[in-house]
């Protein structure tokens, strides 16, 4: 089967070979491009998620939680005084 397709392609005039190459190559290239874009988006999202998780689990996240806890302590002490 493959040999007959290659023989058919080889007998085509040069212009027809170019047209067949474009007709087959364009959809294949488009699919490859979409796959690459999808992989790149996934990689970027993964990197952003990892950076955010790291930041929230370290100093900035600790500062936010500490500040929230301090505010809760102040509210509790104010309500106990009243």
Protein backbone atom coordinates (compact mmCIF):
# COMPACT_ATOMS: atom_id res chain seq x y z
CA UNK A 1 0.00 0.00 0.00
CA UNK A 2 2.70 2.47 1.03
CA UNK A 3 4.75 1.62 -2.06
CA UNK A 4 1.83 2.33 -4.35
CA UNK A 5 1.21 5.72 -2.67
CA UNK A 6 4.90 6.62 -3.05
CA UNK A 7 4.88 5.54 -6.71
CA UNK A 8 1.72 7.59 -7.35
CA UNK A 9 3.25 10.63 -5.65
CA UNK A 10 6.47 10.21 -7.63
CA UNK A 11 4.58 10.22 -10.96
CA UNK A 12 2.80 13.49 -10.21
CA UNK A 13 4.01 16.71 -11.85
CA UNK A 14 6.03 19.04 -9.62
CA UNK A 15 3.13 21.47 -9.10
CA UNK A 16 0.79 18.68 -8.07
CA UNK A 17 3.39 17.33 -5.64
CA UNK A 18 3.58 20.75 -4.02
CA UNK A 19 -0.21 20.92 -3.77
CA UNK A 20 -0.41 17.46 -2.20
CA UNK A 21 2.40 18.34 0.20
CA UNK A 22 0.58 21.52 1.26
CA UNK A 23 -2.79 19.75 1.53
CA UNK A 24 -1.34 17.13 3.86
CA UNK A 25 1.26 19.30 5.60
CA UNK A 26 -0.98 22.18 6.65
CA UNK A 27 -3.42 20.14 8.78
CA UNK A 28 -0.58 18.15 10.32
CA UNK A 29 1.32 21.34 11.13
CA UNK A 30 -1.84 22.93 12.61
CA UNK A 31 -2.43 19.91 14.86
CA UNK A 32 1.21 19.92 15.98
CA UNK A 33 0.99 23.66 16.69
CA UNK A 34 -2.19 23.25 18.78
CA UNK A 35 -0.59 20.42 20.78
CA UNK A 36 2.52 22.53 21.42
CA UNK A 37 0.40 25.51 22.52
CA UNK A 38 -1.59 23.29 24.87
CA UNK A 39 1.59 21.88 26.39
CA UNK A 40 3.08 25.36 26.79
CA UNK A 41 -0.08 26.65 28.50
CA UNK A 42 -0.09 23.69 30.84
CA UNK A 43 3.57 24.22 31.66
CA UNK A 44 3.07 27.93 32.37
CA UNK A 45 0.05 27.21 34.57
CA UNK A 46 2.01 24.58 36.48
CA UNK A 47 4.90 26.97 37.07
CA UNK A 48 2.57 29.74 38.26
CA UNK A 49 0.76 27.35 40.60
CA UNK A 50 4.06 26.09 42.02
CA UNK A 51 5.34 29.62 42.62
CA UNK A 52 2.10 30.68 44.30
CA UNK A 53 2.05 27.59 46.49
CA UNK A 54 5.67 28.19 47.49
CA UNK A 55 5.02 31.83 48.33
CA UNK A 56 1.88 31.11 50.32
CA UNK A 57 3.58 28.30 52.23
CA UNK A 58 6.57 30.45 53.20
CA UNK A 59 7.09 33.98 54.49
CA UNK A 60 4.23 35.88 52.80
CA UNK A 61 1.66 33.24 53.70
CA UNK A 62 2.96 33.14 57.23
CA UNK A 63 2.73 36.93 57.49
CA UNK A 64 -0.85 36.94 56.21
CA UNK A 65 -1.91 34.24 58.66
CA UNK A 66 -0.07 35.94 61.53
CA UNK A 67 -1.77 39.26 60.76
CA UNK A 68 -5.19 37.59 60.60
CA UNK A 69 -4.54 35.80 63.90
CA UNK A 70 -3.44 39.06 65.55
CA UNK A 71 -6.65 40.76 64.39
CA UNK A 72 -8.70 37.90 65.84
CA UNK A 73 -6.85 38.23 69.16
CA UNK A 74 -7.53 41.97 69.23
CA UNK A 75 -11.25 41.42 68.54
CA UNK A 76 -11.42 38.77 71.24
CA UNK A 77 -9.69 40.94 73.80
CA UNK A 78 -11.86 43.96 72.91
CA UNK A 79 -15.06 41.95 73.29
CA UNK A 80 -13.82 40.50 76.61
CA UNK A 81 -13.13 44.02 77.93
CA UNK A 82 -16.59 45.29 76.99
